[in-house]
Amino acid sequence: MPLRAVLIDLDETLYAPGAALIRAVDTRITAFIAIRTGLPWPRADELRRVLWREFGTTARGLNRLFDISERDLNRFAVDSVDPQPHLSPDPALRDHLARIPAPCHLFTNATRRYAERVLSVLGVSESVGLIFDIEFSLFNPKPAPIFYRRAVEALGVSSRDVALVDDNPRNLRPALEMGMACVYMGDGAPPAGALRARSFAEVPELLRTLT
């Protein structure tokens, strides 16, 4: 296949799973839920998890069920978190991205502000072209197919010429249905038709096998 673009997830794909950054964001999201709904912390934290699983993002779930602005949550819980204390420059990641045989673009359910700050701290801002963020998706987060279609249309290529790298199996399924090549970043079994990388270091060579 002529690989013409690679869409790459941000959180726990470009940096290791379990990083303190995600915990910091999750804590802020739980605090937002507790404040806006009056729920005690344990119930607010459980609601955060349930909404994320059900709607793709907690913000989307809060909007659908409680008519709470997604932008309000993102400002309070995502854009307010400084990634600097939780991440560090990653020259190896920059080298891995440079070896990918097609232009790389970010494909994230996070905000542009947050994504740009994370890329900056990692030292890979220049390694990524376009940023397809939650606002670009019209607040239809992965795995909503419309987000994938909008990204492919913006790239001006066929979905069959695009690859997606993501740590969440459910986010790969719409891409596979559209004919994209997919790389699952994780230890578990990948969805049928997807390749698996245990670390980002393996991604460039896996993608080269597709060209």
C-alpha atoms as a PDB file:
ATOM      1  CA  MET A   1       0.000   0.000   0.000  1.00  0.00           C
ATOM      2  CA  PRO A   2       1.258   3.547  -0.679  1.00  0.00           C
ATOM      3  CA  LEU A   3       1.377   4.908   2.866  1.00  0.00           C
ATOM      4  CA  ARG A   4       0.770   8.660   2.591  1.00  0.00           C
ATOM      5  CA  ALA A   5      -0.065   9.673   6.166  1.00  0.00           C
ATOM      6  CA  VAL A   6       0.157   8.306   9.687  1.00  0.00           C
ATOM      7  CA  LEU A   7      -2.290   9.364  12.395  1.00  0.00           C
ATOM      8  CA  ILE A   8      -0.853   8.989  15.880  1.00  0.00           C
ATOM      9  CA  ASP A   9      -2.656   9.097  19.208  1.00  0.00           C
ATOM     10  CA  LEU A  10      -1.143  11.232  21.968  1.00  0.00           C
ATOM     11  CA  ASP A  11      -1.716  10.074  25.542  1.00  0.00           C
ATOM     12  CA  GLU A  12      -0.099   6.756  26.436  1.00  0.00           C
ATOM     13  CA  THR A  13       0.985   6.291  22.827  1.00  0.00           C
ATOM     14  CA  LEU A  14       3.707   8.915  22.435  1.00  0.00           C
ATOM     15  CA  TYR A  15       4.677   8.408  26.066  1.00  0.00           C
ATOM     16  CA  ALA A  16       4.553   5.375  28.342  1.00  0.00           C
ATOM     17  CA  PRO A  17       1.260   4.115  29.809  1.00  0.00           C
ATOM     18  CA  GLY A  18       0.679   4.936  33.446  1.00  0.00           C
ATOM     19  CA  ALA A  19       2.527   8.249  33.345  1.00  0.00           C
ATOM     20  CA  ALA A  20       1.722  10.697  36.124  1.00  0.00           C
ATOM     21  CA  LEU A  21       0.365  13.135  33.533  1.00  0.00           C
ATOM     22  CA  ILE A  22      -2.732  11.028  32.909  1.00  0.00           C
ATOM     23  CA  ARG A  23      -3.335  10.653  36.631  1.00  0.00           C
ATOM     24  CA  ALA A  24      -3.102  14.435  37.027  1.00  0.00           C
ATOM     25  CA  VAL A  25      -5.673  14.996  34.277  1.00  0.00           C
ATOM     26  CA  ASP A  26      -7.991  12.310  35.658  1.00  0.00           C
ATOM     27  CA  THR A  27      -7.824  13.891  39.112  1.00  0.00           C
ATOM     28  CA  ARG A  28      -8.832  17.266  37.681  1.00  0.00           C
ATOM     29  CA  ILE A  29     -11.699  15.677  35.751  1.00  0.00           C
ATOM     30  CA  THR A  30     -12.985  13.966  38.891  1.00  0.00           C
ATOM     31  CA  ALA A  31     -12.754  17.261  40.787  1.00  0.00           C
ATOM     32  CA  PHE A  32     -14.756  18.985  38.040  1.00  0.00           C
ATOM     33  CA  ILE A  33     -17.463  16.322  38.204  1.00  0.00           C
ATOM     34  CA  ALA A  34     -17.654  16.534  41.994  1.00  0.00           C
ATOM     35  CA  ILE A  35     -17.988  20.320  41.864  1.00  0.00           C
ATOM     36  CA  ARG A  36     -20.576  20.435  39.089  1.00  0.00           C
ATOM     37  CA  THR A  37     -22.733  17.492  40.193  1.00  0.00           C
ATOM     38  CA  GLY A  38     -22.298  17.529  43.972  1.00  0.00           C
ATOM     39  CA  LEU A  39     -21.317  13.857  43.970  1.00  0.00           C
ATOM     40  CA  PRO A  40     -18.871  12.614  46.615  1.00  0.00           C
ATOM     41  CA  TRP A  41     -15.383  11.942  45.296  1.00  0.00           C
ATOM     42  CA  PRO A  42     -15.643   8.124  44.932  1.00  0.00           C
ATOM     43  CA  ARG A  43     -18.872   8.373  42.952  1.00  0.00           C
ATOM     44  CA  ALA A  44     -17.529  11.236  40.853  1.00  0.00           C
ATOM     45  CA  ASP A  45     -14.437   9.194  40.034  1.00  0.00           C
ATOM     46  CA  GLU A  46     -16.517   6.182  39.062  1.00  0.00           C
ATOM     47  CA  LEU A  47     -18.737   8.376  36.882  1.00  0.00           C
ATOM     48  CA  ARG A  48     -15.607   9.672  35.141  1.00  0.00           C
ATOM     49  CA  ARG A  49     -14.604   6.127  34.249  1.00  0.00           C
ATOM     50  CA  VAL A  50     -18.096   5.084  33.147  1.00  0.00           C
ATOM     51  CA  LEU A  51     -18.571   8.110  30.902  1.00  0.00           C
ATOM     52  CA  TRP A  52     -15.144   7.643  29.315  1.00  0.00           C
ATOM     53  CA  ARG A  53     -15.962   4.040  28.458  1.00  0.00           C
ATOM     54  CA  GLU A  54     -19.443   4.863  27.187  1.00  0.00           C
ATOM     55  CA  PHE A  55     -18.857   8.094  25.259  1.00  0.00           C
ATOM     56  CA  GLY A  56     -15.172   8.141  24.305  1.00  0.00           C
ATOM     57  CA  THR A  57     -14.484  11.126  26.560  1.00  0.00           C
ATOM     58  CA  THR A  58     -15.867  12.049  29.960  1.00  0.00           C
ATOM     59  CA  ALA A  59     -16.589  15.534  28.615  1.00  0.00           C
ATOM     60  CA  ARG A  60     -18.868  14.106  25.936  1.00  0.00           C
ATOM     61  CA  GLY A  61     -20.759  12.058  28.494  1.00  0.00           C
ATOM     62  CA  LEU A  62     -21.223  15.008  30.834  1.00  0.00           C
ATOM     63  CA  ASN A  63     -22.559  17.064  27.954  1.00  0.00           C
ATOM     64  CA  ARG A  64     -25.002  14.383  26.859  1.00  0.00           C
ATOM     65  CA  LEU A  65     -26.285  13.442  30.317  1.00  0.00           C
ATOM     66  CA  PHE A  66     -25.951  16.681  32.301  1.00  0.00           C
ATOM     67  CA  ASP A  67     -25.835  19.384  29.588  1.00  0.00           C
ATOM     68  CA  ILE A  68     -22.431  20.491  30.901  1.00  0.00           C
ATOM     69  CA  SER A  69     -20.225  22.339  28.428  1.00  0.00           C
ATOM     70  CA  GLU A  70     -17.387  20.213  27.095  1.00  0.00           C
ATOM     71  CA  ARG A  71     -15.240  23.318  26.791  1.00  0.00           C
ATOM     72  CA  ASP A  72     -15.800  24.074  30.487  1.00  0.00           C
ATOM     73  CA  LEU A  73     -14.446  20.682  31.486  1.00  0.00           C
ATOM     74  CA  ASN A  74     -11.519  20.915  29.079  1.00  0.00           C
ATOM     75  CA  ARG A  75     -10.516  24.337  30.384  1.00  0.00           C
ATOM     76  CA  PHE A  76     -10.722  23.201  34.008  1.00  0.00           C
ATOM     77  CA  ALA A  77      -9.288  19.702  33.771  1.00  0.00           C
ATOM     78  CA  VAL A  78      -7.173  19.409  30.625  1.00  0.00           C
ATOM     79  CA  ASP A  79      -5.777  22.776  29.600  1.00  0.00           C
ATOM     80  CA  SER A  80      -4.990  23.631  33.222  1.00  0.00           C
ATOM     81  CA  VAL A  81      -2.595  20.692  33.666  1.00  0.00           C
ATOM     82  CA  ASP A  82       1.069  21.478  33.078  1.00  0.00           C
ATOM     83  CA  PRO A  83       2.794  18.443  31.511  1.00  0.00           C
ATOM     84  CA  GLN A  84       6.264  19.755  32.387  1.00  0.00           C
ATOM     85  CA  PRO A  85       6.527  18.091  35.835  1.00  0.00           C
ATOM     86  CA  HIS A  86       5.286  14.758  34.490  1.00  0.00           C
ATOM     87  CA  LEU A  87       7.191  14.275  31.218  1.00  0.00           C
ATOM     88  CA  SER A  88      10.672  14.974  29.907  1.00  0.00           C
ATOM     89  CA  PRO A  89      12.289  15.449  26.489  1.00  0.00           C
ATOM     90  CA  ASP A  90      12.497  12.193  24.542  1.00  0.00           C
ATOM     91  CA  PRO A  91      15.177  12.294  21.811  1.00  0.00           C
ATOM     92  CA  ALA A  92      14.592   8.609  21.056  1.00  0.00           C
ATOM     93  CA  LEU A  93      10.929   9.308  20.304  1.00  0.00           C
ATOM     94  CA  ARG A  94      11.985  12.073  17.930  1.00  0.00           C
ATOM     95  CA  ASP A  95      14.252   9.611  16.129  1.00  0.00           C
ATOM     96  CA  HIS A  96      11.473   7.016  15.901  1.00  0.00           C
ATOM     97  CA  LEU A  97       9.075   9.568  14.415  1.00  0.00           C
ATOM     98  CA  ALA A  98      11.702  10.610  11.863  1.00  0.00           C
ATOM     99  CA  ARG A  99      11.980   6.994  10.687  1.00  0.00           C
ATOM    100  CA  ILE A 100       8.268   6.625   9.964  1.00  0.00           C
ATOM    101  CA  PRO A 101       7.888   6.385   6.165  1.00  0.00           C
ATOM    102  CA  ALA A 102       5.103   8.979   5.801  1.00  0.00           C
ATOM    103  CA  PRO A 103       4.129  12.337   7.325  1.00  0.00           C
ATOM    104  CA  CYS A 104       2.933  12.030  10.931  1.00  0.00           C
ATOM    105  CA  HIS A 105      -0.122  13.842  12.270  1.00  0.00           C
ATOM    106  CA  LEU A 106      -1.633  13.855  15.745  1.00  0.00           C
ATOM    107  CA  PHE A 107      -5.098  12.325  16.200  1.00  0.00           C
ATOM    108  CA  THR A 108      -6.282  12.951  19.737  1.00  0.00           C
ATOM    109  CA  ASN A 109      -9.391  13.353  21.864  1.00  0.00           C
ATOM    110  CA  ALA A 110      -7.514  16.014  23.835  1.00  0.00           C
ATOM    111  CA  THR A 111      -7.470  19.751  23.173  1.00  0.00           C
ATOM    112  CA  ARG A 112      -5.000  21.469  20.857  1.00  0.00           C
ATOM    113  CA  ARG A 113      -3.568  23.530  23.721  1.00  0.00           C
ATOM    114  CA  TYR A 114      -2.870  20.419  25.787  1.00  0.00           C
ATOM    115  CA  ALA A 115      -1.497  18.503  22.804  1.00  0.00           C
ATOM    116  CA  GLU A 116       0.870  21.290  21.810  1.00  0.00           C
ATOM    117  CA  ARG A 117       2.222  21.525  25.350  1.00  0.00           C
ATOM    118  CA  VAL A 118       2.793  17.772  25.574  1.00  0.00           C
ATOM    119  CA  LEU A 119       4.563  17.705  22.204  1.00  0.00           C
ATOM    120  CA  SER A 120       6.728  20.617  23.301  1.00  0.00           C
ATOM    121  CA  VAL A 121       7.781  18.952  26.553  1.00  0.00           C
ATOM    122  CA  LEU A 122       8.581  15.718  24.707  1.00  0.00           C
ATOM    123  CA  GLY A 123      10.624  17.714  22.205  1.00  0.00           C
ATOM    124  CA  VAL A 124       8.747  16.456  19.149  1.00  0.00           C
ATOM    125  CA  SER A 125       6.700  19.479  18.064  1.00  0.00           C
ATOM    126  CA  GLU A 126       8.552  19.634  14.746  1.00  0.00           C
ATOM    127  CA  SER A 127       8.027  15.912  14.156  1.00  0.00           C
ATOM    128  CA  VAL A 128       4.256  16.229  13.856  1.00  0.00           C
ATOM    129  CA  GLY A 129       2.373  17.989  11.102  1.00  0.00           C
ATOM    130  CA  LEU A 130      -1.330  18.578  11.652  1.00  0.00           C
ATOM    131  CA  ILE A 131      -3.113  18.240  14.974  1.00  0.00           C
ATOM    132  CA  PHE A 132      -6.598  16.753  14.757  1.00  0.00           C
ATOM    133  CA  ASP A 133      -8.016  17.545  18.190  1.00  0.00           C
ATOM    134  CA  ILE A 134     -11.368  17.298  19.929  1.00  0.00           C
ATOM    135  CA  GLU A 135     -12.624  20.600  18.502  1.00  0.00           C
ATOM    136  CA  PHE A 136     -11.691  19.503  14.989  1.00  0.00           C
ATOM    137  CA  SER A 137     -13.863  16.427  15.607  1.00  0.00           C
ATOM    138  CA  LEU A 138     -16.803  18.739  16.411  1.00  0.00           C
ATOM    139  CA  PHE A 139     -16.749  17.073  19.838  1.00  0.00           C
ATOM    140  CA  ASN A 140     -17.281  13.642  18.312  1.00  0.00           C
ATOM    141  CA  PRO A 141     -14.334  11.843  19.943  1.00  0.00           C
ATOM    142  CA  LYS A 142     -12.733   8.581  18.918  1.00  0.00           C
ATOM    143  CA  PRO A 143     -14.165   6.064  18.244  1.00  0.00           C
ATOM    144  CA  ALA A 144     -16.871   8.123  16.463  1.00  0.00           C
ATOM    145  CA  PRO A 145     -16.378   7.418  12.721  1.00  0.00           C
ATOM    146  CA  ILE A 146     -17.028  11.057  11.774  1.00  0.00           C
ATOM    147  CA  PHE A 147     -13.748  12.085  13.425  1.00  0.00           C
ATOM    148  CA  TYR A 148     -11.806   9.636  11.249  1.00  0.00           C
ATOM    149  CA  ARG A 149     -13.620  10.725   8.084  1.00  0.00           C
ATOM    150  CA  ARG A 150     -12.963  14.400   8.776  1.00  0.00           C
ATOM    151  CA  ALA A 151      -9.256  13.753   9.343  1.00  0.00           C
ATOM    152  CA  VAL A 152      -8.905  11.739   6.138  1.00  0.00           C
ATOM    153  CA  GLU A 153     -10.792  14.391   4.163  1.00  0.00           C
ATOM    154  CA  ALA A 154      -8.530  17.110   5.580  1.00  0.00           C
ATOM    155  CA  LEU A 155      -5.474  15.120   4.514  1.00  0.00           C
ATOM    156  CA  GLY A 156      -6.859  14.768   0.996  1.00  0.00           C
ATOM    157  CA  VAL A 157      -5.945  11.099   0.720  1.00  0.00           C
ATOM    158  CA  SER A 158      -7.718   7.762   0.618  1.00  0.00           C
ATOM    159  CA  SER A 159      -8.289   6.087   3.973  1.00  0.00           C
ATOM    160  CA  ARG A 160      -6.497   3.052   2.500  1.00  0.00           C
ATOM    161  CA  ASP A 161      -3.331   5.139   2.299  1.00  0.00           C
ATOM    162  CA  VAL A 162      -3.453   6.062   5.997  1.00  0.00           C
ATOM    163  CA  ALA A 163      -2.223   4.250   9.102  1.00  0.00           C
ATOM    164  CA  LEU A 164      -3.365   4.788  12.687  1.00  0.00           C
ATOM    165  CA  VAL A 165      -1.273   4.164  15.804  1.00  0.00           C
ATOM    166  CA  ASP A 166      -3.285   4.034  19.048  1.00  0.00           C
ATOM    167  CA  ASP A 167      -3.161   2.369  22.471  1.00  0.00           C
ATOM    168  CA  ASN A 168      -6.921   1.793  22.663  1.00  0.00           C
ATOM    169  CA  PRO A 169      -8.273  -1.183  20.679  1.00  0.00           C
ATOM    170  CA  ARG A 170     -11.740   0.319  20.319  1.00  0.00           C
ATOM    171  CA  ASN A 171     -10.223   3.361  18.591  1.00  0.00           C
ATOM    172  CA  LEU A 172      -8.679   1.121  15.947  1.00  0.00           C
ATOM    173  CA  ARG A 173     -11.888  -0.605  14.891  1.00  0.00           C
ATOM    174  CA  PRO A 174     -13.424   2.300  12.906  1.00  0.00           C
ATOM    175  CA  ALA A 175     -10.072   2.807  11.185  1.00  0.00           C
ATOM    176  CA  LEU A 176      -9.900  -0.861  10.232  1.00  0.00           C
ATOM    177  CA  GLU A 177     -13.436  -0.683   8.853  1.00  0.00           C
ATOM    178  CA  MET A 178     -12.334   2.265   6.682  1.00  0.00           C
ATOM    179  CA  GLY A 179      -9.414   0.269   5.307  1.00  0.00           C
ATOM    180  CA  MET A 180      -6.664   1.963   7.289  1.00  0.00           C
ATOM    181  CA  ALA A 181      -3.616   0.059   8.439  1.00  0.00           C
ATOM    182  CA  CYS A 182      -3.515  -0.024  12.234  1.00  0.00           C
ATOM    183  CA  VAL A 183      -0.852  -0.463  14.878  1.00  0.00           C
ATOM    184  CA  TYR A 184      -1.988  -1.279  18.395  1.00  0.00           C
ATOM    185  CA  MET A 185       0.316   0.019  21.117  1.00  0.00           C
ATOM    186  CA  GLY A 186      -0.153  -2.351  24.020  1.00  0.00           C
ATOM    187  CA  ASP A 187       0.461  -5.707  25.629  1.00  0.00           C
ATOM    188  CA  GLY A 188      -2.890  -7.312  24.916  1.00  0.00           C
ATOM    189  CA  ALA A 189      -4.149  -8.906  21.734  1.00  0.00           C
ATOM    190  CA  PRO A 190      -4.728  -6.384  18.939  1.00  0.00           C
ATOM    191  CA  PRO A 191      -8.021  -6.210  17.068  1.00  0.00           C
ATOM    192  CA  ALA A 192      -8.202  -8.532  14.082  1.00  0.00           C
ATOM    193  CA  GLY A 193      -6.271  -7.007  11.214  1.00  0.00           C
ATOM    194  CA  ALA A 194      -4.104  -4.718  13.351  1.00  0.00           C
ATOM    195  CA  LEU A 195      -0.384  -5.000  13.983  1.00  0.00           C
ATOM    196  CA  ARG A 196       0.958  -4.828  17.533  1.00  0.00           C
ATOM    197  CA  ALA A 197       3.856  -2.781  18.896  1.00  0.00           C
ATOM    198  CA  ARG A 198       5.031  -3.252  22.459  1.00  0.00           C
ATOM    199  CA  SER A 199       6.756   0.136  22.365  1.00  0.00           C
ATOM    200  CA  PHE A 200       6.895   3.077  19.983  1.00  0.00           C
ATOM    201  CA  ALA A 201      10.389   1.981  18.964  1.00  0.00           C
ATOM    202  CA  GLU A 202       8.770  -0.868  17.010  1.00  0.00           C
ATOM    203  CA  VAL A 203       6.338   1.353  15.105  1.00  0.00           C
ATOM    204  CA  PRO A 204       8.581   2.601  12.245  1.00  0.00           C
ATOM    205  CA  GLU A 205       9.601  -0.873  11.114  1.00  0.00           C
ATOM    206  CA  LEU A 206       6.034  -2.171  11.369  1.00  0.00           C
ATOM    207  CA  LEU A 207       4.849   0.678   9.164  1.00  0.00           C
ATOM    208  CA  ARG A 208       7.677   0.055   6.704  1.00  0.00           C
ATOM    209  CA  THR A 209       6.349  -3.449   6.166  1.00  0.00           C
ATOM    210  CA  LEU A 210       3.182  -1.857   4.793  1.00  0.00           C
ATOM    211  CA  THR A 211       4.880   0.191   2.069  1.00  0.00           C
END
